[in-house]
Amino acid sequence: MSTVSSYSTTLTNIVSNITLYVDYCSLILGIIGSICNLITFTGRQMRQSSAVLYLLWSTIFQLLTILYCVVMRLFYDRSGSNLLNESPIFCKSRYYLVLVLPSLASYYIFLAALDRYLCTSDSVAIRSWSQIKVARRLAIVTLIIGSAISIHVPIFYDIYKNQCQISPGNHCGTSDAEHTAFAITSWFIQL
């Protein structure tokens, strides 16, 4: 029985160390890669392309994701802090940012791919959508809509039984004010 327990303890330590090293490698290599992308995408010739503008926005949100998500995971795995389960503001903002930052990076990659499709179209009307001024406007609209899509997270997440989670009874219309806020937000997004 004691050998099973010692194997279990050893395996737990190995997994803990592997996740630590993977997180540190992700942090270091992610920051280096994002900085290289920023340097590349801000070059004089690259700034003329609307697809590069989308890729630049994506790189910014990928860097923010790495800096926030990986650092938070390292902090919580190693420090033993309980701030997430003690502060409602931190609880709501952490889950919101962990959801929104990578989503926005993905939206901008999609827009870059769509822009490349538009610029290769035979139709002049379709090609006209692949311009830097359209890309600037669409990047801002994507930021607003992408941030609003996840607004339900700070509304519904709270500390319940010493855990940051969706509280029972706080979903799908049980609270009129929260349901109304979510319904109005969803309606505006669909416009």
N, C-alpha and C. Protein backbone atom coordinates (compact mmCIF):
# COMPACT_ATOMS: atom_id res chain seq x y z
N MET A 1 0.82 -1.19 0.00
CA MET A 1 0.00 0.00 0.00
C MET A 1 0.86 1.25 0.00
N SER A 2 1.98 1.21 0.70
CA SER A 2 2.84 2.38 0.78
C SER A 2 3.55 2.63 -0.55
N THR A 3 3.84 1.58 -1.33
CA THR A 3 4.47 1.80 -2.63
C THR A 3 3.51 2.49 -3.59
N VAL A 4 2.23 2.19 -3.52
CA VAL A 4 1.25 2.87 -4.36
C VAL A 4 1.19 4.34 -3.98
N SER A 5 1.23 4.61 -2.70
CA SER A 5 1.20 5.99 -2.22
C SER A 5 2.46 6.73 -2.64
N SER A 6 3.61 6.09 -2.57
CA SER A 6 4.85 6.76 -2.96
C SER A 6 4.88 6.97 -4.48
N TYR A 7 4.35 6.02 -5.25
CA TYR A 7 4.26 6.20 -6.70
C TYR A 7 3.32 7.36 -7.04
N SER A 8 2.24 7.45 -6.32
CA SER A 8 1.28 8.53 -6.53
C SER A 8 1.90 9.88 -6.22
N THR A 9 2.63 9.96 -5.13
CA THR A 9 3.30 11.20 -4.75
C THR A 9 4.37 11.57 -5.77
N THR A 10 5.15 10.59 -6.21
CA THR A 10 6.19 10.83 -7.21
C THR A 10 5.57 11.31 -8.52
N LEU A 11 4.50 10.65 -8.95
CA LEU A 11 3.83 11.04 -10.19
C LEU A 11 3.25 12.45 -10.09
N THR A 12 2.68 12.79 -8.96
CA THR A 12 2.14 14.14 -8.75
C THR A 12 3.25 15.18 -8.83
N ASN A 13 4.40 14.90 -8.25
CA ASN A 13 5.54 15.83 -8.32
C ASN A 13 6.05 15.98 -9.74
N ILE A 14 6.11 14.88 -10.47
CA ILE A 14 6.59 14.93 -11.86
C ILE A 14 5.65 15.78 -12.71
N VAL A 15 4.34 15.55 -12.58
CA VAL A 15 3.37 16.31 -13.35
C VAL A 15 3.44 17.79 -12.98
N SER A 16 3.59 18.08 -11.71
CA SER A 16 3.70 19.47 -11.26
C SER A 16 4.92 20.15 -11.86
N ASN A 17 6.04 19.46 -11.89
CA ASN A 17 7.26 20.04 -12.47
C ASN A 17 7.15 20.20 -13.98
N ILE A 18 6.53 19.23 -14.64
CA ILE A 18 6.36 19.33 -16.10
C ILE A 18 5.51 20.55 -16.44
N THR A 19 4.40 20.73 -15.73
CA THR A 19 3.54 21.89 -16.02
C THR A 19 4.27 23.20 -15.72
N LEU A 20 5.10 23.20 -14.71
CA LEU A 20 5.87 24.41 -14.40
C LEU A 20 6.82 24.75 -15.54
N TYR A 21 7.57 23.75 -16.02
CA TYR A 21 8.53 24.00 -17.10
C TYR A 21 7.83 24.34 -18.41
N VAL A 22 6.71 23.71 -18.69
CA VAL A 22 5.97 24.03 -19.91
C VAL A 22 5.44 25.46 -19.84
N ASP A 23 4.95 25.87 -18.68
CA ASP A 23 4.46 27.24 -18.54
C ASP A 23 5.59 28.26 -18.72
N TYR A 24 6.75 28.00 -18.12
CA TYR A 24 7.88 28.91 -18.28
C TYR A 24 8.34 28.97 -19.73
N CYS A 25 8.40 27.83 -20.40
CA CYS A 25 8.79 27.81 -21.82
C CYS A 25 7.76 28.56 -22.66
N SER A 26 6.49 28.34 -22.38
CA SER A 26 5.43 29.06 -23.11
C SER A 26 5.55 30.56 -22.91
N LEU A 27 5.83 30.96 -21.70
CA LEU A 27 5.95 32.38 -21.40
C LEU A 27 7.14 32.99 -22.13
N ILE A 28 8.29 32.38 -22.02
CA ILE A 28 9.50 32.93 -22.64
C ILE A 28 9.42 32.91 -24.15
N LEU A 29 9.09 31.75 -24.73
CA LEU A 29 9.03 31.65 -26.18
C LEU A 29 7.87 32.47 -26.75
N GLY A 30 6.76 32.54 -26.03
CA GLY A 30 5.61 33.33 -26.49
C GLY A 30 5.93 34.81 -26.53
N ILE A 31 6.61 35.30 -25.52
CA ILE A 31 6.99 36.72 -25.50
C ILE A 31 7.98 37.02 -26.61
N ILE A 32 8.97 36.15 -26.78
CA ILE A 32 9.96 36.36 -27.86
C ILE A 32 9.28 36.34 -29.22
N GLY A 33 8.40 35.38 -29.45
CA GLY A 33 7.70 35.29 -30.73
C GLY A 33 6.80 36.48 -30.99
N SER A 34 6.11 36.93 -29.95
CA SER A 34 5.21 38.08 -30.11
C SER A 34 6.01 39.35 -30.39
N ILE A 35 7.13 39.52 -29.72
CA ILE A 35 7.97 40.70 -29.97
C ILE A 35 8.52 40.67 -31.39
N CYS A 36 8.93 39.51 -31.85
CA CYS A 36 9.40 39.39 -33.24
C CYS A 36 8.28 39.72 -34.23
N ASN A 37 7.06 39.23 -33.95
CA ASN A 37 5.93 39.56 -34.82
C ASN A 37 5.65 41.05 -34.81
N LEU A 38 5.71 41.68 -33.63
CA LEU A 38 5.47 43.13 -33.55
C LEU A 38 6.50 43.90 -34.36
N ILE A 39 7.75 43.49 -34.27
CA ILE A 39 8.80 44.16 -35.04
C ILE A 39 8.56 43.99 -36.54
N THR A 40 8.19 42.77 -36.93
CA THR A 40 7.94 42.50 -38.35
C THR A 40 6.73 43.27 -38.86
N PHE A 41 5.62 43.23 -38.13
CA PHE A 41 4.37 43.82 -38.61
C PHE A 41 4.35 45.34 -38.53
N THR A 42 5.27 45.93 -37.79
CA THR A 42 5.32 47.39 -37.74
C THR A 42 6.34 47.98 -38.70
N GLY A 43 6.93 47.15 -39.53
CA GLY A 43 7.87 47.63 -40.55
C GLY A 43 7.17 48.52 -41.57
N ARG A 44 7.93 49.39 -42.19
CA ARG A 44 7.37 50.37 -43.12
C ARG A 44 6.56 49.73 -44.25
N GLN A 45 7.09 48.73 -44.90
CA GLN A 45 6.39 48.10 -46.02
C GLN A 45 5.17 47.30 -45.55
N MET A 46 5.27 46.68 -44.39
CA MET A 46 4.19 45.83 -43.91
C MET A 46 2.96 46.64 -43.49
N ARG A 47 3.17 47.86 -43.06
CA ARG A 47 2.04 48.67 -42.57
C ARG A 47 1.07 49.07 -43.66
N GLN A 48 1.42 48.85 -44.90
CA GLN A 48 0.55 49.22 -46.02
C GLN A 48 -0.53 48.17 -46.29
N SER A 49 -0.41 47.01 -45.69
CA SER A 49 -1.34 45.91 -45.95
C SER A 49 -2.42 45.84 -44.87
N SER A 50 -3.66 45.68 -45.31
CA SER A 50 -4.76 45.58 -44.36
C SER A 50 -4.70 44.25 -43.60
N ALA A 51 -4.23 43.20 -44.23
CA ALA A 51 -4.12 41.90 -43.54
C ALA A 51 -3.09 41.99 -42.42
N VAL A 52 -2.03 42.73 -42.64
CA VAL A 52 -1.00 42.89 -41.62
C VAL A 52 -1.55 43.67 -40.43
N LEU A 53 -2.45 44.62 -40.68
CA LEU A 53 -3.07 45.34 -39.57
C LEU A 53 -3.83 44.36 -38.67
N TYR A 54 -4.58 43.45 -39.28
CA TYR A 54 -5.29 42.44 -38.49
C TYR A 54 -4.31 41.54 -37.73
N LEU A 55 -3.23 41.16 -38.40
CA LEU A 55 -2.23 40.30 -37.76
C LEU A 55 -1.52 41.04 -36.62
N LEU A 56 -1.34 42.33 -36.78
CA LEU A 56 -0.75 43.14 -35.71
C LEU A 56 -1.67 43.16 -34.48
N TRP A 57 -2.95 43.38 -34.69
CA TRP A 57 -3.91 43.34 -33.59
C TRP A 57 -3.93 41.95 -32.94
N SER A 58 -3.89 40.92 -33.77
CA SER A 58 -3.87 39.56 -33.24
C SER A 58 -2.63 39.32 -32.38
N THR A 59 -1.49 39.78 -32.85
CA THR A 59 -0.25 39.64 -32.09
C THR A 59 -0.33 40.35 -30.74
N ILE A 60 -0.92 41.53 -30.75
CA ILE A 60 -1.05 42.28 -29.49
C ILE A 60 -1.90 41.48 -28.49
N PHE A 61 -3.01 40.94 -28.95
CA PHE A 61 -3.87 40.18 -28.04
C PHE A 61 -3.27 38.83 -27.67
N GLN A 62 -2.47 38.24 -28.55
CA GLN A 62 -1.76 37.02 -28.18
C GLN A 62 -0.72 37.31 -27.10
N LEU A 63 -0.02 38.42 -27.23
CA LEU A 63 0.97 38.80 -26.22
C LEU A 63 0.28 39.08 -24.88
N LEU A 64 -0.84 39.79 -24.92
CA LEU A 64 -1.58 40.04 -23.68
C LEU A 64 -2.09 38.74 -23.06
N THR A 65 -2.51 37.80 -23.90
CA THR A 65 -2.96 36.49 -23.41
C THR A 65 -1.82 35.77 -22.70
N ILE A 66 -0.66 35.77 -23.32
CA ILE A 66 0.50 35.10 -22.73
C ILE A 66 0.89 35.77 -21.42
N LEU A 67 0.96 37.09 -21.44
CA LEU A 67 1.37 37.81 -20.24
C LEU A 67 0.37 37.66 -19.10
N TYR A 68 -0.90 37.65 -19.42
CA TYR A 68 -1.89 37.56 -18.35
C TYR A 68 -2.18 36.12 -17.95
N CYS A 69 -2.55 35.29 -18.91
CA CYS A 69 -3.01 33.93 -18.58
C CYS A 69 -1.89 33.05 -18.02
N VAL A 70 -0.76 33.05 -18.67
CA VAL A 70 0.34 32.18 -18.22
C VAL A 70 0.89 32.66 -16.88
N VAL A 71 1.04 33.97 -16.74
CA VAL A 71 1.55 34.50 -15.48
C VAL A 71 0.57 34.21 -14.34
N MET A 72 -0.72 34.36 -14.60
CA MET A 72 -1.71 34.05 -13.55
C MET A 72 -1.68 32.57 -13.18
N ARG A 73 -1.54 31.70 -14.18
CA ARG A 73 -1.48 30.26 -13.89
C ARG A 73 -0.23 29.92 -13.08
N LEU A 74 0.90 30.51 -13.45
CA LEU A 74 2.12 30.28 -12.67
C LEU A 74 1.97 30.80 -11.25
N PHE A 75 1.36 31.96 -11.11
CA PHE A 75 1.17 32.56 -9.79
C PHE A 75 0.29 31.67 -8.91
N TYR A 76 -0.83 31.22 -9.45
CA TYR A 76 -1.75 30.42 -8.63
C TYR A 76 -1.24 29.02 -8.36
N ASP A 77 -0.54 28.44 -9.32
CA ASP A 77 -0.01 27.08 -9.10
C ASP A 77 1.10 27.07 -8.06
N ARG A 78 1.86 28.13 -7.96
CA ARG A 78 3.04 28.12 -7.09
C ARG A 78 2.90 28.93 -5.80
N SER A 79 2.03 29.93 -5.77
CA SER A 79 1.99 30.79 -4.59
C SER A 79 1.00 30.32 -3.53
N GLY A 80 0.01 29.57 -3.94
CA GLY A 80 -1.01 29.15 -2.99
C GLY A 80 -1.96 30.28 -2.62
N SER A 81 -1.97 31.36 -3.41
CA SER A 81 -2.84 32.50 -3.13
C SER A 81 -4.30 32.12 -3.29
N ASN A 82 -5.14 32.77 -2.53
CA ASN A 82 -6.57 32.52 -2.58
C ASN A 82 -7.33 33.77 -3.02
N LEU A 83 -6.63 34.71 -3.67
CA LEU A 83 -7.24 35.96 -4.08
C LEU A 83 -8.42 35.74 -5.02
N LEU A 84 -8.31 34.76 -5.89
CA LEU A 84 -9.38 34.48 -6.84
C LEU A 84 -10.68 34.15 -6.13
N ASN A 85 -10.60 33.48 -5.00
CA ASN A 85 -11.79 33.08 -4.27
C ASN A 85 -12.17 34.04 -3.15
N GLU A 86 -11.47 35.17 -3.07
CA GLU A 86 -11.76 36.15 -2.02
C GLU A 86 -12.25 37.48 -2.58
N SER A 87 -11.83 37.84 -3.77
CA SER A 87 -12.19 39.13 -4.35
C SER A 87 -13.17 38.93 -5.52
N PRO A 88 -14.40 39.40 -5.38
CA PRO A 88 -15.36 39.26 -6.49
C PRO A 88 -14.91 40.00 -7.75
N ILE A 89 -14.27 41.15 -7.59
CA ILE A 89 -13.81 41.91 -8.75
C ILE A 89 -12.72 41.14 -9.49
N PHE A 90 -11.78 40.58 -8.75
CA PHE A 90 -10.72 39.80 -9.39
C PHE A 90 -11.28 38.53 -10.02
N CYS A 91 -12.23 37.91 -9.35
CA CYS A 91 -12.89 36.70 -9.88
C CYS A 91 -13.52 37.00 -11.24
N LYS A 92 -14.30 38.06 -11.31
CA LYS A 92 -14.99 38.41 -12.54
C LYS A 92 -14.02 38.83 -13.65
N SER A 93 -13.07 39.68 -13.30
CA SER A 93 -12.15 40.18 -14.32
C SER A 93 -11.21 39.10 -14.84
N ARG A 94 -10.77 38.20 -13.97
CA ARG A 94 -9.87 37.15 -14.41
C ARG A 94 -10.54 36.24 -15.43
N TYR A 95 -11.74 35.76 -15.13
CA TYR A 95 -12.42 34.88 -16.07
C TYR A 95 -12.81 35.61 -17.35
N TYR A 96 -13.15 36.88 -17.24
CA TYR A 96 -13.48 37.66 -18.43
C TYR A 96 -12.26 37.79 -19.34
N LEU A 97 -11.11 38.17 -18.78
CA LEU A 97 -9.91 38.36 -19.60
C LEU A 97 -9.39 37.05 -20.17
N VAL A 98 -9.50 35.97 -19.40
CA VAL A 98 -9.05 34.67 -19.90
C VAL A 98 -9.91 34.22 -21.08
N LEU A 99 -11.14 34.67 -21.15
CA LEU A 99 -12.02 34.33 -22.26
C LEU A 99 -11.86 35.30 -23.43
N VAL A 100 -11.79 36.59 -23.14
CA VAL A 100 -11.80 37.61 -24.19
C VAL A 100 -10.48 37.73 -24.94
N LEU A 101 -9.36 37.73 -24.24
CA LEU A 101 -8.08 37.98 -24.91
C LEU A 101 -7.76 36.96 -26.02
N PRO A 102 -7.84 35.65 -25.75
CA PRO A 102 -7.57 34.72 -26.84
C PRO A 102 -8.64 34.74 -27.93
N SER A 103 -9.88 35.04 -27.54
CA SER A 103 -10.94 35.12 -28.55
C SER A 103 -10.67 36.25 -29.53
N LEU A 104 -10.28 37.40 -29.01
CA LEU A 104 -9.99 38.53 -29.90
C LEU A 104 -8.83 38.21 -30.83
N ALA A 105 -7.81 37.55 -30.33
CA ALA A 105 -6.69 37.16 -31.20
C ALA A 105 -7.18 36.26 -32.33
N SER A 106 -8.07 35.34 -32.02
CA SER A 106 -8.63 34.45 -33.06
C SER A 106 -9.48 35.21 -34.06
N TYR A 107 -10.27 36.17 -33.59
CA TYR A 107 -11.11 36.96 -34.50
C TYR A 107 -10.25 37.72 -35.50
N TYR A 108 -9.13 38.28 -35.03
CA TYR A 108 -8.28 39.05 -35.93
C TYR A 108 -7.55 38.15 -36.94
N ILE A 109 -7.21 36.95 -36.54
CA ILE A 109 -6.61 36.01 -37.51
C ILE A 109 -7.64 35.66 -38.59
N PHE A 110 -8.88 35.46 -38.17
CA PHE A 110 -9.95 35.20 -39.14
C PHE A 110 -10.09 36.38 -40.10
N LEU A 111 -10.06 37.60 -39.57
CA LEU A 111 -10.20 38.78 -40.43
C LEU A 111 -9.02 38.90 -41.40
N ALA A 112 -7.83 38.53 -40.97
CA ALA A 112 -6.67 38.55 -41.87
C ALA A 112 -6.86 37.56 -43.02
N ALA A 113 -7.35 36.37 -42.69
CA ALA A 113 -7.61 35.37 -43.74
C ALA A 113 -8.72 35.84 -44.68
N LEU A 114 -9.77 36.43 -44.11
CA LEU A 114 -10.86 36.95 -44.93
C LEU A 114 -10.36 38.08 -45.83
N ASP A 115 -9.49 38.92 -45.31
CA ASP A 115 -8.93 40.02 -46.09
C ASP A 115 -8.13 39.49 -47.29
N ARG A 116 -7.37 38.43 -47.06
CA ARG A 116 -6.61 37.85 -48.17
C ARG A 116 -7.55 37.27 -49.23
N TYR A 117 -8.65 36.69 -48.80
CA TYR A 117 -9.64 36.19 -49.74
C TYR A 117 -10.24 37.35 -50.54
N LEU A 118 -10.59 38.43 -49.84
CA LEU A 118 -11.21 39.57 -50.50
C LEU A 118 -10.28 40.21 -51.52
N CYS A 119 -9.00 40.32 -51.20
CA CYS A 119 -8.07 41.00 -52.11
C CYS A 119 -7.75 40.17 -53.35
N THR A 120 -8.08 38.89 -53.35
CA THR A 120 -7.82 38.06 -54.53
C THR A 120 -9.08 37.82 -55.36
N SER A 121 -10.16 38.48 -55.01
CA SER A 121 -11.41 38.29 -55.73
C SER A 121 -11.33 38.92 -57.13
N ASP A 122 -12.10 38.38 -58.07
CA ASP A 122 -12.17 38.95 -59.42
C ASP A 122 -13.04 40.21 -59.45
N SER A 123 -13.94 40.32 -58.48
CA SER A 123 -14.86 41.45 -58.43
C SER A 123 -14.18 42.67 -57.79
N VAL A 124 -14.28 43.80 -58.47
CA VAL A 124 -13.71 45.04 -57.94
C VAL A 124 -14.44 45.46 -56.67
N ALA A 125 -15.74 45.25 -56.62
CA ALA A 125 -16.52 45.63 -55.44
C ALA A 125 -16.07 44.84 -54.22
N ILE A 126 -15.79 43.58 -54.41
CA ILE A 126 -15.34 42.75 -53.28
C ILE A 126 -13.91 43.13 -52.90
N ARG A 127 -13.05 43.38 -53.90
CA ARG A 127 -11.67 43.77 -53.61
C ARG A 127 -11.60 45.09 -52.87
N SER A 128 -12.58 45.95 -53.06
CA SER A 128 -12.55 47.26 -52.40
C SER A 128 -12.70 47.13 -50.87
N TRP A 129 -13.18 46.00 -50.39
CA TRP A 129 -13.27 45.77 -48.94
C TRP A 129 -11.91 45.49 -48.33
N SER A 130 -10.91 45.22 -49.16
CA SER A 130 -9.57 44.92 -48.67
C SER A 130 -8.71 46.18 -48.73
N GLN A 131 -9.07 47.17 -47.93
CA GLN A 131 -8.33 48.43 -47.86
C GLN A 131 -7.97 48.71 -46.41
N ILE A 132 -6.92 49.49 -46.23
CA ILE A 132 -6.43 49.77 -44.88
C ILE A 132 -7.44 50.58 -44.07
N LYS A 133 -8.18 51.50 -44.71
CA LYS A 133 -9.16 52.29 -43.96
C LYS A 133 -10.33 51.42 -43.51
N VAL A 134 -10.74 50.46 -44.31
CA VAL A 134 -11.79 49.52 -43.91
C VAL A 134 -11.27 48.64 -42.78
N ALA A 135 -10.02 48.22 -42.89
CA ALA A 135 -9.43 47.36 -41.86
C ALA A 135 -9.35 48.07 -40.52
N ARG A 136 -9.02 49.34 -40.52
CA ARG A 136 -8.95 50.09 -39.25
C ARG A 136 -10.33 50.14 -38.58
N ARG A 137 -11.34 50.43 -39.37
CA ARG A 137 -12.70 50.50 -38.81
C ARG A 137 -13.16 49.13 -38.32
N LEU A 138 -12.91 48.13 -39.13
CA LEU A 138 -13.36 46.78 -38.77
C LEU A 138 -12.60 46.24 -37.55
N ALA A 139 -11.35 46.65 -37.40
CA ALA A 139 -10.58 46.23 -36.22
C ALA A 139 -11.18 46.81 -34.94
N ILE A 140 -11.61 48.06 -34.99
CA ILE A 140 -12.24 48.69 -33.83
C ILE A 140 -13.60 48.05 -33.54
N VAL A 141 -14.38 47.82 -34.59
CA VAL A 141 -15.69 47.18 -34.42
C VAL A 141 -15.52 45.78 -33.84
N THR A 142 -14.52 45.05 -34.30
CA THR A 142 -14.26 43.71 -33.78
C THR A 142 -13.87 43.76 -32.31
N LEU A 143 -13.08 44.74 -31.93
CA LEU A 143 -12.70 44.90 -30.53
C LEU A 143 -13.94 45.14 -29.65
N ILE A 144 -14.83 46.00 -30.11
CA ILE A 144 -16.03 46.31 -29.33
C ILE A 144 -16.96 45.10 -29.25
N ILE A 145 -17.23 44.50 -30.39
CA ILE A 145 -18.15 43.35 -30.40
C ILE A 145 -17.52 42.15 -29.69
N GLY A 146 -16.25 41.90 -29.94
CA GLY A 146 -15.57 40.77 -29.30
C GLY A 146 -15.53 40.91 -27.78
N SER A 147 -15.40 42.13 -27.30
CA SER A 147 -15.41 42.36 -25.86
C SER A 147 -16.82 42.23 -25.29
N ALA A 148 -17.81 42.64 -26.07
CA ALA A 148 -19.19 42.59 -25.60
C ALA A 148 -19.77 41.18 -25.60
N ILE A 149 -19.26 40.32 -26.48
CA ILE A 149 -19.79 38.96 -26.56
C ILE A 149 -19.65 38.22 -25.24
N SER A 150 -18.60 38.49 -24.52
CA SER A 150 -18.33 37.77 -23.26
C SER A 150 -18.76 38.55 -22.03
N ILE A 151 -19.63 39.51 -22.19
CA ILE A 151 -20.04 40.34 -21.06
C ILE A 151 -20.80 39.54 -20.01
N HIS A 152 -21.30 38.38 -20.39
CA HIS A 152 -22.02 37.55 -19.42
C HIS A 152 -21.11 37.04 -18.30
N VAL A 153 -19.81 36.95 -18.56
CA VAL A 153 -18.90 36.42 -17.54
C VAL A 153 -18.86 37.31 -16.29
N PRO A 154 -18.60 38.62 -16.42
CA PRO A 154 -18.61 39.41 -15.19
C PRO A 154 -20.01 39.55 -14.57
N ILE A 155 -21.04 39.33 -15.36
CA ILE A 155 -22.39 39.41 -14.82
C ILE A 155 -22.70 38.18 -13.98
N PHE A 156 -22.37 37.00 -14.48
CA PHE A 156 -22.81 35.77 -13.82
C PHE A 156 -21.79 35.17 -12.86
N TYR A 157 -20.50 35.44 -13.05
CA TYR A 157 -19.49 34.86 -12.14
C TYR A 157 -19.47 35.62 -10.83
N ASP A 158 -19.33 34.89 -9.76
CA ASP A 158 -19.21 35.48 -8.43
C ASP A 158 -18.63 34.42 -7.50
N ILE A 159 -18.34 34.82 -6.28
CA ILE A 159 -17.81 33.88 -5.30
C ILE A 159 -19.00 33.20 -4.62
N TYR A 160 -19.04 31.89 -4.75
CA TYR A 160 -20.11 31.09 -4.16
C TYR A 160 -19.47 29.90 -3.46
N LYS A 161 -19.73 29.75 -2.18
CA LYS A 161 -19.14 28.69 -1.36
C LYS A 161 -17.61 28.70 -1.47
N ASN A 162 -17.03 29.89 -1.35
CA ASN A 162 -15.58 30.10 -1.39
C ASN A 162 -14.93 29.68 -2.69
N GLN A 163 -15.68 29.69 -3.79
CA GLN A 163 -15.15 29.37 -5.11
C GLN A 163 -15.64 30.41 -6.11
N CYS A 164 -14.77 30.81 -7.00
CA CYS A 164 -15.16 31.72 -8.08
C CYS A 164 -15.84 30.88 -9.15
N GLN A 165 -17.15 31.05 -9.28
CA GLN A 165 -17.91 30.23 -10.22
C GLN A 165 -19.24 30.91 -10.52
N ILE A 166 -19.99 30.31 -11.43
CA ILE A 166 -21.34 30.79 -11.68
C ILE A 166 -22.20 30.31 -10.53
N SER A 167 -22.82 31.25 -9.84
CA SER A 167 -23.62 30.88 -8.68
C SER A 167 -24.90 30.18 -9.12
N PRO A 168 -25.32 29.19 -8.37
CA PRO A 168 -26.59 28.54 -8.68
C PRO A 168 -27.73 29.56 -8.60
N GLY A 169 -28.62 29.51 -9.55
CA GLY A 169 -29.72 30.45 -9.57
C GLY A 169 -29.40 31.74 -10.29
N ASN A 170 -28.18 31.89 -10.76
CA ASN A 170 -27.77 33.11 -11.47
C ASN A 170 -27.57 32.84 -12.95
N HIS A 171 -28.46 32.10 -13.55
CA HIS A 171 -28.29 31.84 -14.96
C HIS A 171 -29.64 31.75 -15.65
N CYS A 172 -29.63 32.07 -16.89
CA CYS A 172 -30.77 31.92 -17.79
C CYS A 172 -32.07 32.48 -17.25
N GLY A 173 -32.05 33.69 -16.76
CA GLY A 173 -33.28 34.39 -16.47
C GLY A 173 -33.79 34.31 -15.05
N THR A 174 -33.09 33.68 -14.14
CA THR A 174 -33.61 33.62 -12.78
C THR A 174 -33.51 34.98 -12.10
N SER A 175 -32.58 35.80 -12.51
CA SER A 175 -32.49 37.16 -12.01
C SER A 175 -32.90 38.09 -13.15
N ASP A 176 -33.96 38.85 -12.96
CA ASP A 176 -34.50 39.67 -14.04
C ASP A 176 -33.51 40.71 -14.56
N ALA A 177 -32.80 41.38 -13.66
CA ALA A 177 -31.86 42.43 -14.07
C ALA A 177 -30.71 41.85 -14.89
N GLU A 178 -30.17 40.73 -14.44
CA GLU A 178 -29.06 40.12 -15.16
C GLU A 178 -29.52 39.56 -16.50
N HIS A 179 -30.69 38.96 -16.52
CA HIS A 179 -31.21 38.41 -17.78
C HIS A 179 -31.49 39.54 -18.77
N THR A 180 -32.03 40.64 -18.30
CA THR A 180 -32.31 41.78 -19.17
C THR A 180 -31.02 42.34 -19.75
N ALA A 181 -29.99 42.50 -18.92
CA ALA A 181 -28.70 43.00 -19.40
C ALA A 181 -28.11 42.07 -20.45
N PHE A 182 -28.18 40.77 -20.21
CA PHE A 182 -27.65 39.81 -21.17
C PHE A 182 -28.45 39.82 -22.46
N ALA A 183 -29.78 39.91 -22.36
CA ALA A 183 -30.63 39.90 -23.55
C ALA A 183 -30.40 41.15 -24.40
N ILE A 184 -30.26 42.30 -23.76
CA ILE A 184 -30.01 43.54 -24.50
C ILE A 184 -28.65 43.48 -25.19
N THR A 185 -27.64 43.00 -24.47
CA THR A 185 -26.31 42.87 -25.08
C THR A 185 -26.34 41.92 -26.26
N SER A 186 -26.99 40.79 -26.11
CA SER A 186 -27.07 39.82 -27.20
C SER A 186 -27.80 40.41 -28.41
N TRP A 187 -28.84 41.19 -28.14
CA TRP A 187 -29.60 41.80 -29.23
C TRP A 187 -28.73 42.77 -30.02
N PHE A 188 -27.94 43.60 -29.31
CA PHE A 188 -27.08 44.55 -29.99
C PHE A 188 -26.00 43.84 -30.80
N ILE A 189 -25.51 42.74 -30.32
CA ILE A 189 -24.47 42.00 -31.03
C ILE A 189 -25.02 41.44 -32.33
N GLN A 190 -26.27 41.03 -32.33
CA GLN A 190 -26.86 40.43 -33.52
C GLN A 190 -27.17 41.45 -34.60
N LEU A 191 -27.20 42.74 -34.26
CA LEU A 191 -27.48 43.76 -35.27
C LEU A 191 -26.43 43.81 -36.28
